[in-house]
Every structure is written in C-alpha cells, then in structure tokens.
C-alpha cells in the first residue's frame, strides 16, 4: 500500500475533489489504484504552537478526502 498525503494541514488552502482525483490518477501511472490510499500530509497540530487553520478548515479538508475516496474507490 502507498498512502498519498494529498491534503496540506499547514495552510488554509482548500483542495478540491477534482484536484485530488487528478493527483491519484497521476499516481496510477506507477502504482495500481487498488494499492493506493489518501490522507492528510500529517496531523493538524504538528507543533506546540499549532497551525493557523480553523476547525472549519479541518472539517472541510477531512470531508474532501472522504468525498474523493468515495468517488475514486466507491
């Protein structure tokens, strides 16, 4: 298995399902889709001072991961 950390936890940039799907498709050039998974790049609180990201941003980012996984893998 290869887990693609496609969603940044360091900024408020909101990735879209379309962007993530395109990156997954790119990865399938090297690894079969059945061996891929997606996740955030790391945790949302990876330093003592935290990141400048709101709970709303975090929920969106987790939601777009779920949306993308359902669209790609069913």
PDB file of N, CA and C in Angstrom:
ATOM      1  N   UNK A   1       0.839  -1.190   0.000  1.00  0.00           N
ATOM      2  CA  UNK A   1       0.000   0.000   0.000  1.00  0.00           C
ATOM      3  C   UNK A   1       0.876   1.244   0.000  1.00  0.00           C
ATOM      4  N   UNK A   2       0.390   2.239  -0.711  1.00  0.00           N
ATOM      5  CA  UNK A   2       1.037   3.552  -0.719  1.00  0.00           C
ATOM      6  C   UNK A   2      -0.026   4.573  -0.342  1.00  0.00           C
ATOM      7  N   UNK A   3       0.249   5.342   0.693  1.00  0.00           N
ATOM      8  CA  UNK A   3      -0.685   6.372   1.137  1.00  0.00           C
ATOM      9  C   UNK A   3      -0.182   7.719   0.622  1.00  0.00           C
ATOM     10  N   UNK A   4      -1.029   8.371  -0.149  1.00  0.00           N
ATOM     11  CA  UNK A   4      -0.693   9.676  -0.723  1.00  0.00           C
ATOM     12  C   UNK A   4      -1.185  10.774   0.230  1.00  0.00           C
ATOM     13  N   UNK A   5      -0.272  11.542   0.794  1.00  0.00           N
ATOM     14  CA  UNK A   5      -0.638  12.663   1.660  1.00  0.00           C
ATOM     15  C   UNK A   5      -0.948  13.880   0.801  1.00  0.00           C
ATOM     16  N   UNK A   6      -2.179  13.958   0.333  1.00  0.00           N
ATOM     17  CA  UNK A   6      -2.540  14.957  -0.677  1.00  0.00           C
ATOM     18  C   UNK A   6      -3.157  16.237  -0.127  1.00  0.00           C
ATOM     19  N   UNK A   7      -3.459  16.271   1.150  1.00  0.00           N
ATOM     20  CA  UNK A   7      -4.126  17.445   1.723  1.00  0.00           C
ATOM     21  C   UNK A   7      -3.197  18.083   2.748  1.00  0.00           C
ATOM     22  N   UNK A   8      -2.887  19.361   2.545  1.00  0.00           N
ATOM     23  CA  UNK A   8      -2.000  20.043   3.474  1.00  0.00           C
ATOM     24  C   UNK A   8      -2.704  20.356   4.791  1.00  0.00           C
ATOM     25  N   UNK A   9      -1.979  20.179   5.863  1.00  0.00           N
ATOM     26  CA  UNK A   9      -2.508  20.528   7.183  1.00  0.00           C
ATOM     27  C   UNK A   9      -1.868  21.809   7.694  1.00  0.00           C
ATOM     28  N   UNK A  10      -1.049  22.417   6.872  1.00  0.00           N
ATOM     29  CA  UNK A  10      -0.286  23.593   7.298  1.00  0.00           C
ATOM     30  C   UNK A  10      -0.883  24.918   6.853  1.00  0.00           C
ATOM     31  N   UNK A  11      -1.820  24.883   5.906  1.00  0.00           N
ATOM     32  CA  UNK A  11      -2.398  26.134   5.428  1.00  0.00           C
ATOM     33  C   UNK A  11      -3.898  25.974   5.225  1.00  0.00           C
ATOM     34  N   UNK A  12      -4.542  27.090   5.023  1.00  0.00           N
ATOM     35  CA  UNK A  12      -5.988  27.093   4.847  1.00  0.00           C
ATOM     36  C   UNK A  12      -6.404  26.809   3.410  1.00  0.00           C
ATOM     37  N   UNK A  13      -5.441  26.558   2.517  1.00  0.00           N
ATOM     38  CA  UNK A  13      -5.783  26.248   1.133  1.00  0.00           C
ATOM     39  C   UNK A  13      -6.742  25.062   1.110  1.00  0.00           C
ATOM     40  N   UNK A  14      -7.842  25.214   0.395  1.00  0.00           N
ATOM     41  CA  UNK A  14      -8.859  24.156   0.334  1.00  0.00           C
ATOM     42  C   UNK A  14      -8.758  23.394  -0.984  1.00  0.00           C
ATOM     43  N   UNK A  15      -8.176  22.227  -0.893  1.00  0.00           N
ATOM     44  CA  UNK A  15      -8.077  21.360  -2.055  1.00  0.00           C
ATOM     45  C   UNK A  15      -9.474  20.953  -2.500  1.00  0.00           C
ATOM     46  N   UNK A  16      -9.621  20.609  -3.769  1.00  0.00           N
ATOM     47  CA  UNK A  16     -10.911  20.138  -4.262  1.00  0.00           C
ATOM     48  C   UNK A  16     -10.822  18.653  -4.582  1.00  0.00           C
ATOM     49  N   UNK A  17     -11.981  18.017  -4.643  1.00  0.00           N
ATOM     50  CA  UNK A  17     -12.030  16.600  -5.013  1.00  0.00           C
ATOM     51  C   UNK A  17     -11.460  16.399  -6.407  1.00  0.00           C
ATOM     52  N   UNK A  18     -11.671  17.347  -7.287  1.00  0.00           N
ATOM     53  CA  UNK A  18     -11.141  17.245  -8.647  1.00  0.00           C
ATOM     54  C   UNK A  18      -9.616  17.255  -8.655  1.00  0.00           C
ATOM     55  N   UNK A  19      -9.027  18.143  -7.846  1.00  0.00           N
ATOM     56  CA  UNK A  19      -7.564  18.188  -7.745  1.00  0.00           C
ATOM     57  C   UNK A  19      -7.013  16.878  -7.198  1.00  0.00           C
ATOM     58  N   UNK A  20      -7.636  16.385  -6.155  1.00  0.00           N
ATOM     59  CA  UNK A  20      -7.151  15.149  -5.545  1.00  0.00           C
ATOM     60  C   UNK A  20      -7.304  13.970  -6.495  1.00  0.00           C
ATOM     61  N   UNK A  21      -8.416  13.913  -7.204  1.00  0.00           N
ATOM     62  CA  UNK A  21      -8.644  12.832  -8.165  1.00  0.00           C
ATOM     63  C   UNK A  21      -7.581  12.860  -9.265  1.00  0.00           C
ATOM     64  N   UNK A  22      -7.228  14.040  -9.733  1.00  0.00           N
ATOM     65  CA  UNK A  22      -6.196  14.164 -10.764  1.00  0.00           C
ATOM     66  C   UNK A  22      -4.846  13.672 -10.243  1.00  0.00           C
ATOM     67  N   UNK A  23      -4.542  13.955  -8.988  1.00  0.00           N
ATOM     68  CA  UNK A  23      -3.263  13.513  -8.424  1.00  0.00           C
ATOM     69  C   UNK A  23      -3.246  12.003  -8.228  1.00  0.00           C
ATOM     70  N   UNK A  24      -4.403  11.442  -7.862  1.00  0.00           N
ATOM     71  CA  UNK A  24      -4.492   9.985  -7.741  1.00  0.00           C
ATOM     72  C   UNK A  24      -4.287   9.348  -9.112  1.00  0.00           C
ATOM     73  N   UNK A  25      -4.936   9.918 -10.124  1.00  0.00           N
ATOM     74  CA  UNK A  25      -4.789   9.397 -11.483  1.00  0.00           C
ATOM     75  C   UNK A  25      -3.331   9.435 -11.920  1.00  0.00           C
ATOM     76  N   UNK A  26      -2.647  10.505 -11.580  1.00  0.00           N
ATOM     77  CA  UNK A  26      -1.225  10.609 -11.907  1.00  0.00           C
ATOM     78  C   UNK A  26      -0.430   9.487 -11.217  1.00  0.00           C
ATOM     79  N   UNK A  27      -0.749   9.215  -9.965  1.00  0.00           N
ATOM     80  CA  UNK A  27      -0.043   8.164  -9.220  1.00  0.00           C
ATOM     81  C   UNK A  27      -0.281   6.782  -9.817  1.00  0.00           C
ATOM     82  N   UNK A  28      -1.453   6.587 -10.440  1.00  0.00           N
ATOM     83  CA  UNK A  28      -1.749   5.271 -11.018  1.00  0.00           C
ATOM     84  C   UNK A  28      -0.884   4.965 -12.240  1.00  0.00           C
ATOM     85  N   UNK A  29      -0.136   5.933 -12.700  1.00  0.00           N
ATOM     86  CA  UNK A  29       0.842   5.654 -13.762  1.00  0.00           C
ATOM     87  C   UNK A  29       1.938   4.734 -13.244  1.00  0.00           C
ATOM     88  N   UNK A  30       2.124   4.711 -11.907  1.00  0.00           N
ATOM     89  CA  UNK A  30       3.205   3.954 -11.290  1.00  0.00           C
ATOM     90  C   UNK A  30       2.728   2.823 -10.378  1.00  0.00           C
ATOM     91  N   UNK A  31       1.554   3.014  -9.792  1.00  0.00           N
ATOM     92  CA  UNK A  31       1.037   2.052  -8.815  1.00  0.00           C
ATOM     93  C   UNK A  31      -0.445   1.828  -9.089  1.00  0.00           C
ATOM     94  N   UNK A  32      -0.907   0.584  -9.088  1.00  0.00           N
ATOM     95  CA  UNK A  32      -2.333   0.330  -9.325  1.00  0.00           C
ATOM     96  C   UNK A  32      -3.218   1.018  -8.280  1.00  0.00           C
ATOM     97  N   UNK A  33      -4.355   1.489  -8.734  1.00  0.00           N
ATOM     98  CA  UNK A  33      -5.295   2.212  -7.856  1.00  0.00           C
ATOM     99  C   UNK A  33      -5.643   1.404  -6.604  1.00  0.00           C
ATOM    100  N   UNK A  34      -5.729   0.090  -6.741  1.00  0.00           N
ATOM    101  CA  UNK A  34      -6.089  -0.777  -5.623  1.00  0.00           C
ATOM    102  C   UNK A  34      -5.030  -0.779  -4.521  1.00  0.00           C
ATOM    103  N   UNK A  35      -3.846  -0.300  -4.836  1.00  0.00           N
ATOM    104  CA  UNK A  35      -2.766  -0.250  -3.842  1.00  0.00           C
ATOM    105  C   UNK A  35      -2.542   1.158  -3.304  1.00  0.00           C
ATOM    106  N   UNK A  36      -3.428   2.089  -3.644  1.00  0.00           N
ATOM    107  CA  UNK A  36      -3.298   3.473  -3.200  1.00  0.00           C
ATOM    108  C   UNK A  36      -4.331   3.815  -2.142  1.00  0.00           C
ATOM    109  N   UNK A  37      -3.992   4.778  -1.306  1.00  0.00           N
ATOM    110  CA  UNK A  37      -4.911   5.362  -0.328  1.00  0.00           C
ATOM    111  C   UNK A  37      -4.571   6.846  -0.229  1.00  0.00           C
ATOM    112  N   UNK A  38      -5.481   7.626   0.357  1.00  0.00           N
ATOM    113  CA  UNK A  38      -5.219   9.058   0.520  1.00  0.00           C
ATOM    114  C   UNK A  38      -5.386   9.450   1.976  1.00  0.00           C
ATOM    115  N   UNK A  39      -4.713  10.534   2.339  1.00  0.00           N
ATOM    116  CA  UNK A  39      -4.778  11.040   3.705  1.00  0.00           C
ATOM    117  C   UNK A  39      -4.276  12.479   3.720  1.00  0.00           C
ATOM    118  N   UNK A  40      -4.408  13.147   4.874  1.00  0.00           N
ATOM    119  CA  UNK A  40      -3.723  14.430   5.021  1.00  0.00           C
ATOM    120  C   UNK A  40      -2.213  14.170   5.032  1.00  0.00           C
ATOM    121  N   UNK A  41      -1.425  15.202   4.786  1.00  0.00           N
ATOM    122  CA  UNK A  41       0.025  15.015   4.773  1.00  0.00           C
ATOM    123  C   UNK A  41       0.564  14.617   6.140  1.00  0.00           C
ATOM    124  N   UNK A  42      -0.065  15.089   7.204  1.00  0.00           N
ATOM    125  CA  UNK A  42       0.295  14.725   8.573  1.00  0.00           C
ATOM    126  C   UNK A  42      -0.822  15.240   9.479  1.00  0.00           C
ATOM    127  N   UNK A  43      -0.586  15.301  10.774  1.00  0.00           N
ATOM    128  CA  UNK A  43      -1.624  15.755  11.699  1.00  0.00           C
ATOM    129  C   UNK A  43      -1.894  17.248  11.598  1.00  0.00           C
ATOM    130  N   UNK A  44      -3.038  17.655  12.136  1.00  0.00           N
ATOM    131  CA  UNK A  44      -3.405  19.072  12.080  1.00  0.00           C
ATOM    132  C   UNK A  44      -2.722  19.905  13.162  1.00  0.00           C
ATOM    133  N   UNK A  45      -2.105  19.257  14.125  1.00  0.00           N
ATOM    134  CA  UNK A  45      -1.420  20.000  15.178  1.00  0.00           C
ATOM    135  C   UNK A  45      -0.046  19.395  15.372  1.00  0.00           C
ATOM    136  N   UNK A  46       0.877  19.760  14.500  1.00  0.00           N
ATOM    137  CA  UNK A  46       2.178  19.111  14.490  1.00  0.00           C
ATOM    138  C   UNK A  46       3.283  19.926  15.157  1.00  0.00           C
ATOM    139  N   UNK A  47       2.908  21.006  15.815  1.00  0.00           N
ATOM    140  CA  UNK A  47       3.902  21.762  16.576  1.00  0.00           C
ATOM    141  C   UNK A  47       3.233  22.301  17.830  1.00  0.00           C
ATOM    142  N   UNK A  48       4.020  22.725  18.765  1.00  0.00           N
ATOM    143  CA  UNK A  48       3.483  23.191  20.048  1.00  0.00           C
ATOM    144  C   UNK A  48       2.593  24.422  19.884  1.00  0.00           C
ATOM    145  N   UNK A  49       2.873  25.250  18.877  1.00  0.00           N
ATOM    146  CA  UNK A  49       2.054  26.441  18.653  1.00  0.00           C
ATOM    147  C   UNK A  49       0.898  26.159  17.698  1.00  0.00           C
ATOM    148  N   UNK A  50       0.885  24.985  17.092  1.00  0.00           N
ATOM    149  CA  UNK A  50      -0.195  24.641  16.177  1.00  0.00           C
ATOM    150  C   UNK A  50      -0.043  25.322  14.833  1.00  0.00           C
ATOM    151  N   UNK A  51      -1.047  25.157  14.018  1.00  0.00           N
ATOM    152  CA  UNK A  51      -1.050  25.753  12.681  1.00  0.00           C
ATOM    153  C   UNK A  51      -2.183  26.768  12.595  1.00  0.00           C
ATOM    154  N   UNK A  52      -2.043  27.726  11.717  1.00  0.00           N
ATOM    155  CA  UNK A  52      -3.080  28.746  11.540  1.00  0.00           C
ATOM    156  C   UNK A  52      -4.170  28.203  10.628  1.00  0.00           C
ATOM    157  N   UNK A  53      -4.949  27.304  11.192  1.00  0.00           N
ATOM    158  CA  UNK A  53      -6.009  26.654  10.440  1.00  0.00           C
ATOM    159  C   UNK A  53      -7.192  26.478  11.393  1.00  0.00           C
ATOM    160  N   UNK A  54      -8.372  26.767  10.922  1.00  0.00           N
ATOM    161  CA  UNK A  54      -9.550  26.711  11.787  1.00  0.00           C
ATOM    162  C   UNK A  54     -10.147  25.300  11.815  1.00  0.00           C
ATOM    163  N   UNK A  55     -11.006  25.080  12.768  1.00  0.00           N
ATOM    164  CA  UNK A  55     -11.715  23.812  12.838  1.00  0.00           C
ATOM    165  C   UNK A  55     -12.562  23.608  11.580  1.00  0.00           C
ATOM    166  N   UNK A  56     -13.129  24.689  11.070  1.00  0.00           N
ATOM    167  CA  UNK A  56     -13.908  24.623   9.836  1.00  0.00           C
ATOM    168  C   UNK A  56     -13.038  24.152   8.668  1.00  0.00           C
ATOM    169  N   UNK A  57     -11.811  24.681   8.584  1.00  0.00           N
ATOM    170  CA  UNK A  57     -10.881  24.244   7.542  1.00  0.00           C
ATOM    171  C   UNK A  57     -10.560  22.759   7.696  1.00  0.00           C
ATOM    172  N   UNK A  58     -10.321  22.332   8.918  1.00  0.00           N
ATOM    173  CA  UNK A  58     -10.008  20.929   9.175  1.00  0.00           C
ATOM    174  C   UNK A  58     -11.166  20.027   8.743  1.00  0.00           C
ATOM    175  N   UNK A  59     -12.376  20.410   9.102  1.00  0.00           N
ATOM    176  CA  UNK A  59     -13.548  19.614   8.722  1.00  0.00           C
ATOM    177  C   UNK A  59     -13.701  19.554   7.203  1.00  0.00           C
ATOM    178  N   UNK A  60     -13.482  20.680   6.542  1.00  0.00           N
ATOM    179  CA  UNK A  60     -13.561  20.696   5.078  1.00  0.00           C
ATOM    180  C   UNK A  60     -12.537  19.732   4.494  1.00  0.00           C
ATOM    181  N   UNK A  61     -11.303  19.833   4.951  1.00  0.00           N
ATOM    182  CA  UNK A  61     -10.224  19.015   4.401  1.00  0.00           C
ATOM    183  C   UNK A  61     -10.492  17.521   4.610  1.00  0.00           C
ATOM    184  N   UNK A  62     -10.972  17.143   5.773  1.00  0.00           N
ATOM    185  CA  UNK A  62     -11.316  15.735   6.008  1.00  0.00           C
ATOM    186  C   UNK A  62     -12.494  15.323   5.135  1.00  0.00           C
ATOM    187  N   UNK A  63     -13.452  16.220   4.972  1.00  0.00           N
ATOM    188  CA  UNK A  63     -14.612  15.934   4.125  1.00  0.00           C
ATOM    189  C   UNK A  63     -14.236  15.733   2.672  1.00  0.00           C
ATOM    190  N   UNK A  64     -13.308  16.549   2.166  1.00  0.00           N
ATOM    191  CA  UNK A  64     -12.903  16.399   0.765  1.00  0.00           C
ATOM    192  C   UNK A  64     -12.129  15.100   0.571  1.00  0.00           C
ATOM    193  N   UNK A  65     -11.429  14.643   1.587  1.00  0.00           N
ATOM    194  CA  UNK A  65     -10.766  13.341   1.497  1.00  0.00           C
ATOM    195  C   UNK A  65     -11.796  12.222   1.375  1.00  0.00           C
ATOM    196  N   UNK A  66     -12.836  12.285   2.208  1.00  0.00           N
ATOM    197  CA  UNK A  66     -13.901  11.270   2.158  1.00  0.00           C
ATOM    198  C   UNK A  66     -14.612  11.319   0.809  1.00  0.00           C
ATOM    199  N   UNK A  67     -14.969  12.512   0.369  1.00  0.00           N
ATOM    200  CA  UNK A  67     -15.649  12.681  -0.924  1.00  0.00           C
ATOM    201  C   UNK A  67     -14.825  12.087  -2.058  1.00  0.00           C
ATOM    202  N   UNK A  68     -13.531  12.378  -2.049  1.00  0.00           N
ATOM    203  CA  UNK A  68     -12.652  11.872  -3.106  1.00  0.00           C
ATOM    204  C   UNK A  68     -12.514  10.354  -3.039  1.00  0.00           C
ATOM    205  N   UNK A  69     -12.330   9.816  -1.846  1.00  0.00           N
ATOM    206  CA  UNK A  69     -12.192   8.368  -1.699  1.00  0.00           C
ATOM    207  C   UNK A  69     -13.449   7.652  -2.196  1.00  0.00           C
ATOM    208  N   UNK A  70     -14.612   8.192  -1.871  1.00  0.00           N
ATOM    209  CA  UNK A  70     -15.850   7.570  -2.336  1.00  0.00           C
ATOM    210  C   UNK A  70     -15.959   7.627  -3.864  1.00  0.00           C
ATOM    211  N   UNK A  71     -15.548   8.737  -4.448  1.00  0.00           N
ATOM    212  CA  UNK A  71     -15.631   8.873  -5.904  1.00  0.00           C
ATOM    213  C   UNK A  71     -14.630   7.961  -6.615  1.00  0.00           C
ATOM    214  N   UNK A  72     -13.445   7.804  -6.064  1.00  0.00           N
ATOM    215  CA  UNK A  72     -12.391   7.031  -6.726  1.00  0.00           C
ATOM    216  C   UNK A  72     -12.535   5.530  -6.463  1.00  0.00           C
ATOM    217  N   UNK A  73     -12.808   5.171  -5.211  1.00  0.00           N
ATOM    218  CA  UNK A  73     -12.822   3.754  -4.840  1.00  0.00           C
ATOM    219  C   UNK A  73     -14.225   3.193  -4.557  1.00  0.00           C
ATOM    220  N   UNK A  74     -15.219   4.079  -4.530  1.00  0.00           N
ATOM    221  CA  UNK A  74     -16.591   3.628  -4.291  1.00  0.00           C
ATOM    222  C   UNK A  74     -16.817   3.326  -2.898  1.00  0.00           C
TER     223      UNK A  74
END
